[in-house]
């Protein structure tokens, strides 16, 4: 359930000592693919596109752009733990911006943008 809203996910209760920190790591790991090298990021997006190939291209692209814009608008909350912020935040934000730029210009060909 935490991955349905990465930015707002929080533990409803501390089930064991450190549970909230573990949840933070889990959510950060789920978003870690945003920080992949661009070629892998784009390939991952193409895989997601294939999975949802029944959705018209313009509808899919609009949905993905909205999702990415939401992440970008909360960039200070993108990752939660200090070590994941340090390792992944800059690369993830660069990929998100690159992808949004490609989506806005219609340049969403193979390996150009998720």
N, C-alpha and C. Protein backbone atom coordinates (compact mmCIF):
# COMPACT_ATOMS: atom_id res chain seq x y z
N UNK A 1 0.82 -1.19 0.00
CA UNK A 1 0.00 0.00 0.00
C UNK A 1 0.86 1.26 0.00
N UNK A 2 2.06 1.16 0.55
CA UNK A 2 2.93 2.34 0.62
C UNK A 2 3.32 2.84 -0.75
N UNK A 3 3.38 1.95 -1.73
CA UNK A 3 3.82 2.38 -3.06
C UNK A 3 2.69 2.98 -3.90
N UNK A 4 1.47 3.00 -3.39
CA UNK A 4 0.40 3.66 -4.13
C UNK A 4 0.50 5.17 -4.04
N UNK A 5 1.16 5.66 -3.02
CA UNK A 5 1.40 7.10 -2.86
C UNK A 5 2.74 7.29 -2.16
N UNK A 6 3.79 7.18 -2.94
CA UNK A 6 5.15 7.23 -2.41
C UNK A 6 5.41 8.46 -1.54
N UNK A 7 4.91 9.58 -1.98
CA UNK A 7 5.24 10.84 -1.31
C UNK A 7 4.57 10.99 0.04
N UNK A 8 3.43 10.36 0.23
CA UNK A 8 2.67 10.53 1.47
C UNK A 8 2.66 9.29 2.36
N UNK A 9 3.25 8.21 1.91
CA UNK A 9 3.21 6.96 2.68
C UNK A 9 3.85 7.14 4.05
N UNK A 10 3.18 6.63 5.07
CA UNK A 10 3.76 6.64 6.41
C UNK A 10 3.16 5.49 7.20
N UNK A 11 3.88 5.06 8.18
CA UNK A 11 3.43 3.95 9.01
C UNK A 11 2.27 4.41 9.88
N UNK A 12 1.22 3.60 9.92
CA UNK A 12 0.08 3.93 10.77
C UNK A 12 0.41 3.68 12.24
N UNK A 13 1.34 2.76 12.47
CA UNK A 13 1.84 2.53 13.82
C UNK A 13 3.21 1.88 13.71
N UNK A 14 3.96 1.98 14.76
CA UNK A 14 5.30 1.41 14.82
C UNK A 14 5.14 -0.06 15.22
N UNK A 15 5.20 -0.95 14.26
CA UNK A 15 4.95 -2.38 14.51
C UNK A 15 6.11 -3.05 15.22
N UNK A 16 7.29 -2.52 15.07
CA UNK A 16 8.48 -2.97 15.78
C UNK A 16 9.45 -1.80 15.77
N UNK A 17 10.45 -1.85 16.62
CA UNK A 17 11.42 -0.75 16.68
C UNK A 17 12.08 -0.57 15.32
N UNK A 18 12.00 0.62 14.77
CA UNK A 18 12.60 0.92 13.47
C UNK A 18 11.69 0.68 12.28
N UNK A 19 10.44 0.34 12.53
CA UNK A 19 9.51 0.05 11.43
C UNK A 19 9.38 1.23 10.47
N UNK A 20 9.25 2.44 10.98
CA UNK A 20 9.09 3.62 10.11
C UNK A 20 10.32 3.82 9.23
N UNK A 21 11.50 3.59 9.78
CA UNK A 21 12.73 3.72 8.97
C UNK A 21 12.78 2.64 7.89
N UNK A 22 12.32 1.44 8.22
CA UNK A 22 12.27 0.38 7.22
C UNK A 22 11.28 0.71 6.11
N UNK A 23 10.15 1.29 6.48
CA UNK A 23 9.16 1.70 5.49
C UNK A 23 9.76 2.77 4.57
N UNK A 24 10.48 3.71 5.15
CA UNK A 24 11.14 4.74 4.34
C UNK A 24 12.11 4.10 3.34
N UNK A 25 12.88 3.12 3.78
CA UNK A 25 13.81 2.45 2.88
C UNK A 25 13.05 1.71 1.79
N UNK A 26 11.98 1.04 2.14
CA UNK A 26 11.17 0.31 1.17
C UNK A 26 10.66 1.24 0.07
N UNK A 27 10.12 2.38 0.48
CA UNK A 27 9.59 3.34 -0.49
C UNK A 27 10.73 3.90 -1.34
N UNK A 28 11.87 4.21 -0.74
CA UNK A 28 13.01 4.71 -1.50
C UNK A 28 13.49 3.67 -2.51
N UNK A 29 13.55 2.42 -2.11
CA UNK A 29 13.97 1.37 -3.03
C UNK A 29 13.00 1.24 -4.20
N UNK A 30 11.71 1.41 -3.93
CA UNK A 30 10.72 1.31 -5.00
C UNK A 30 10.92 2.41 -6.04
N UNK A 31 11.38 3.58 -5.61
CA UNK A 31 11.61 4.69 -6.54
C UNK A 31 13.04 4.73 -7.08
N UNK A 32 13.88 3.82 -6.65
CA UNK A 32 15.29 3.86 -7.03
C UNK A 32 15.50 3.77 -8.54
N UNK A 33 14.58 3.15 -9.27
CA UNK A 33 14.75 3.05 -10.72
C UNK A 33 14.73 4.41 -11.40
N UNK A 34 14.20 5.43 -10.73
CA UNK A 34 14.23 6.78 -11.30
C UNK A 34 15.66 7.28 -11.45
N UNK A 35 16.59 6.71 -10.70
CA UNK A 35 17.97 7.17 -10.71
C UNK A 35 18.89 6.32 -11.58
N UNK A 36 18.33 5.40 -12.33
CA UNK A 36 19.14 4.58 -13.22
C UNK A 36 19.82 5.45 -14.27
N UNK A 37 20.92 4.97 -14.85
CA UNK A 37 21.47 5.70 -16.01
C UNK A 37 20.36 5.87 -17.06
N UNK A 38 20.41 6.99 -17.78
CA UNK A 38 19.32 7.35 -18.68
C UNK A 38 18.87 6.21 -19.59
N UNK A 39 19.81 5.51 -20.19
CA UNK A 39 19.45 4.44 -21.14
C UNK A 39 18.61 3.37 -20.45
N UNK A 40 18.97 3.02 -19.21
CA UNK A 40 18.20 2.02 -18.47
C UNK A 40 16.85 2.60 -18.02
N UNK A 41 16.85 3.85 -17.62
CA UNK A 41 15.61 4.52 -17.24
C UNK A 41 14.63 4.50 -18.41
N UNK A 42 15.11 4.87 -19.59
CA UNK A 42 14.26 4.90 -20.78
C UNK A 42 13.80 3.49 -21.16
N UNK A 43 14.68 2.51 -21.06
CA UNK A 43 14.30 1.13 -21.37
C UNK A 43 13.23 0.64 -20.39
N UNK A 44 13.37 1.00 -19.13
CA UNK A 44 12.38 0.63 -18.12
C UNK A 44 11.03 1.25 -18.46
N UNK A 45 11.04 2.50 -18.89
CA UNK A 45 9.81 3.16 -19.26
C UNK A 45 9.17 2.48 -20.46
N UNK A 46 9.98 2.08 -21.42
CA UNK A 46 9.44 1.38 -22.59
C UNK A 46 8.81 0.05 -22.19
N UNK A 47 9.39 -0.62 -21.20
CA UNK A 47 8.80 -1.85 -20.68
C UNK A 47 7.44 -1.58 -20.04
N UNK A 48 7.36 -0.48 -19.29
CA UNK A 48 6.09 -0.10 -18.68
C UNK A 48 5.08 0.24 -19.77
N UNK A 49 5.53 0.94 -20.80
CA UNK A 49 4.64 1.29 -21.91
C UNK A 49 4.08 0.03 -22.56
N UNK A 50 4.94 -0.98 -22.75
CA UNK A 50 4.50 -2.23 -23.34
C UNK A 50 3.43 -2.90 -22.47
N UNK A 51 3.66 -2.86 -21.17
CA UNK A 51 2.71 -3.44 -20.22
C UNK A 51 1.33 -2.79 -20.33
N UNK A 52 1.31 -1.52 -20.66
CA UNK A 52 0.06 -0.76 -20.79
C UNK A 52 -0.22 -0.39 -22.24
N UNK A 53 0.16 -1.27 -23.15
CA UNK A 53 0.02 -0.96 -24.58
C UNK A 53 -1.43 -0.80 -25.02
N UNK A 54 -2.37 -1.25 -24.23
CA UNK A 54 -3.79 -1.10 -24.55
C UNK A 54 -4.29 0.33 -24.34
N UNK A 55 -3.50 1.14 -23.65
CA UNK A 55 -3.87 2.54 -23.42
C UNK A 55 -3.35 3.38 -24.60
N UNK A 56 -4.17 4.23 -25.18
CA UNK A 56 -3.68 5.08 -26.29
C UNK A 56 -2.44 5.88 -25.88
N UNK A 57 -1.54 6.03 -26.81
CA UNK A 57 -0.24 6.68 -26.57
C UNK A 57 -0.38 8.05 -25.89
N UNK A 58 -1.27 8.90 -26.41
CA UNK A 58 -1.40 10.25 -25.84
C UNK A 58 -1.94 10.21 -24.41
N UNK A 59 -2.82 9.27 -24.13
CA UNK A 59 -3.37 9.13 -22.78
C UNK A 59 -2.28 8.62 -21.83
N UNK A 60 -1.54 7.62 -22.27
CA UNK A 60 -0.44 7.08 -21.46
C UNK A 60 0.60 8.15 -21.17
N UNK A 61 1.01 8.87 -22.21
CA UNK A 61 2.03 9.91 -22.04
C UNK A 61 1.56 11.01 -21.10
N UNK A 62 0.30 11.40 -21.22
CA UNK A 62 -0.24 12.43 -20.33
C UNK A 62 -0.25 11.95 -18.88
N UNK A 63 -0.62 10.71 -18.67
CA UNK A 63 -0.62 10.15 -17.31
C UNK A 63 0.78 10.07 -16.74
N UNK A 64 1.72 9.64 -17.55
CA UNK A 64 3.10 9.56 -17.07
C UNK A 64 3.67 10.95 -16.79
N UNK A 65 3.35 11.90 -17.64
CA UNK A 65 3.82 13.28 -17.42
C UNK A 65 3.26 13.83 -16.12
N UNK A 66 1.98 13.57 -15.86
CA UNK A 66 1.37 14.05 -14.61
C UNK A 66 2.04 13.41 -13.41
N UNK A 67 2.31 12.11 -13.49
CA UNK A 67 2.99 11.41 -12.40
C UNK A 67 4.38 12.00 -12.16
N UNK A 68 5.12 12.21 -13.23
CA UNK A 68 6.49 12.75 -13.11
C UNK A 68 6.48 14.20 -12.61
N UNK A 69 5.53 15.00 -13.09
CA UNK A 69 5.44 16.39 -12.62
C UNK A 69 5.14 16.42 -11.12
N UNK A 70 4.28 15.51 -10.66
CA UNK A 70 3.98 15.44 -9.24
C UNK A 70 5.24 15.10 -8.43
N UNK A 71 6.02 14.14 -8.90
CA UNK A 71 7.26 13.81 -8.21
C UNK A 71 8.20 15.02 -8.20
N UNK A 72 8.31 15.69 -9.33
CA UNK A 72 9.20 16.84 -9.43
C UNK A 72 8.75 17.98 -8.53
N UNK A 73 7.45 18.16 -8.40
CA UNK A 73 6.96 19.26 -7.55
C UNK A 73 7.19 18.99 -6.06
N UNK A 74 7.51 17.76 -5.74
CA UNK A 74 7.82 17.38 -4.35
C UNK A 74 9.25 16.84 -4.26
N UNK A 75 10.14 17.44 -5.03
CA UNK A 75 11.49 16.88 -5.13
C UNK A 75 12.19 16.77 -3.78
N UNK A 76 11.83 17.62 -2.82
CA UNK A 76 12.45 17.53 -1.51
C UNK A 76 12.00 16.30 -0.73
N UNK A 77 10.91 15.66 -1.18
CA UNK A 77 10.40 14.46 -0.52
C UNK A 77 10.58 13.20 -1.37
N UNK A 78 11.26 13.33 -2.49
CA UNK A 78 11.37 12.20 -3.41
C UNK A 78 11.98 10.97 -2.74
N UNK A 79 13.07 11.17 -2.04
CA UNK A 79 13.68 10.10 -1.26
C UNK A 79 13.69 10.54 0.20
N UNK A 80 13.69 9.58 1.11
CA UNK A 80 13.49 9.88 2.52
C UNK A 80 14.73 9.73 3.38
N UNK A 81 15.52 8.74 3.10
CA UNK A 81 16.67 8.46 3.97
C UNK A 81 17.89 9.22 3.47
N UNK A 82 18.72 9.69 4.38
CA UNK A 82 19.89 10.49 3.97
C UNK A 82 20.78 9.78 2.95
N UNK A 83 20.99 8.49 3.12
CA UNK A 83 21.86 7.78 2.19
C UNK A 83 21.24 7.63 0.80
N UNK A 84 19.92 7.48 0.73
CA UNK A 84 19.29 7.36 -0.59
C UNK A 84 19.17 8.73 -1.26
N UNK A 85 18.96 9.75 -0.47
CA UNK A 85 18.95 11.11 -1.02
C UNK A 85 20.30 11.40 -1.67
N UNK A 86 21.35 11.08 -0.95
CA UNK A 86 22.71 11.34 -1.44
C UNK A 86 23.02 10.52 -2.71
N UNK A 87 22.60 9.26 -2.72
CA UNK A 87 22.93 8.37 -3.84
C UNK A 87 22.07 8.61 -5.08
N UNK A 88 20.78 8.92 -4.91
CA UNK A 88 19.86 8.84 -6.03
C UNK A 88 19.15 10.13 -6.41
N UNK A 89 19.05 11.10 -5.53
CA UNK A 89 18.19 12.26 -5.79
C UNK A 89 18.58 13.03 -7.05
N UNK A 90 19.83 13.39 -7.18
CA UNK A 90 20.25 14.21 -8.33
C UNK A 90 20.00 13.49 -9.65
N UNK A 91 20.35 12.22 -9.72
CA UNK A 91 20.15 11.46 -10.96
C UNK A 91 18.67 11.30 -11.27
N UNK A 92 17.86 11.03 -10.25
CA UNK A 92 16.42 10.86 -10.45
C UNK A 92 15.79 12.15 -10.97
N UNK A 93 16.15 13.27 -10.37
CA UNK A 93 15.59 14.55 -10.81
C UNK A 93 16.02 14.87 -12.24
N UNK A 94 17.26 14.56 -12.59
CA UNK A 94 17.72 14.79 -13.96
C UNK A 94 16.93 13.93 -14.95
N UNK A 95 16.70 12.67 -14.60
CA UNK A 95 15.93 11.78 -15.48
C UNK A 95 14.49 12.27 -15.62
N UNK A 96 13.89 12.67 -14.52
CA UNK A 96 12.51 13.16 -14.56
C UNK A 96 12.41 14.38 -15.46
N UNK A 97 13.33 15.32 -15.30
CA UNK A 97 13.32 16.53 -16.14
C UNK A 97 13.54 16.20 -17.61
N UNK A 98 14.48 15.31 -17.88
CA UNK A 98 14.77 14.90 -19.25
C UNK A 98 13.53 14.27 -19.87
N UNK A 99 12.90 13.38 -19.14
CA UNK A 99 11.70 12.72 -19.65
C UNK A 99 10.57 13.71 -19.87
N UNK A 100 10.32 14.58 -18.93
CA UNK A 100 9.26 15.58 -19.10
C UNK A 100 9.53 16.46 -20.30
N UNK A 101 10.77 16.83 -20.51
CA UNK A 101 11.11 17.63 -21.68
C UNK A 101 10.79 16.85 -22.95
N UNK A 102 11.15 15.59 -22.99
CA UNK A 102 10.86 14.77 -24.17
C UNK A 102 9.36 14.60 -24.38
N UNK A 103 8.62 14.40 -23.30
CA UNK A 103 7.17 14.26 -23.43
C UNK A 103 6.54 15.56 -23.93
N UNK A 104 7.03 16.69 -23.46
CA UNK A 104 6.44 17.97 -23.87
C UNK A 104 6.74 18.32 -25.31
N UNK A 105 7.85 17.83 -25.84
CA UNK A 105 8.19 18.10 -27.23
C UNK A 105 7.71 17.00 -28.16
N UNK A 106 7.10 15.96 -27.59
CA UNK A 106 6.61 14.86 -28.41
C UNK A 106 7.70 13.90 -28.82
N UNK A 107 8.88 14.06 -28.25
CA UNK A 107 10.03 13.20 -28.60
C UNK A 107 10.05 12.01 -27.67
N UNK A 108 9.15 11.06 -27.92
CA UNK A 108 9.05 9.91 -27.03
C UNK A 108 9.34 8.61 -27.77
N UNK A 109 10.18 8.72 -28.77
CA UNK A 109 10.54 7.52 -29.52
C UNK A 109 11.35 6.55 -28.67
N UNK A 110 11.66 5.43 -29.25
CA UNK A 110 12.39 4.38 -28.55
C UNK A 110 13.64 4.94 -27.88
N UNK A 111 13.75 4.65 -26.64
CA UNK A 111 14.91 5.00 -25.80
C UNK A 111 15.08 6.51 -25.58
N UNK A 112 14.13 7.31 -26.03
CA UNK A 112 14.24 8.75 -25.80
C UNK A 112 13.64 9.15 -24.46
N UNK A 113 12.55 8.52 -24.11
CA UNK A 113 11.89 8.86 -22.86
C UNK A 113 10.96 7.74 -22.48
N UNK A 114 10.85 7.55 -21.21
CA UNK A 114 9.86 6.59 -20.75
C UNK A 114 8.46 7.01 -21.12
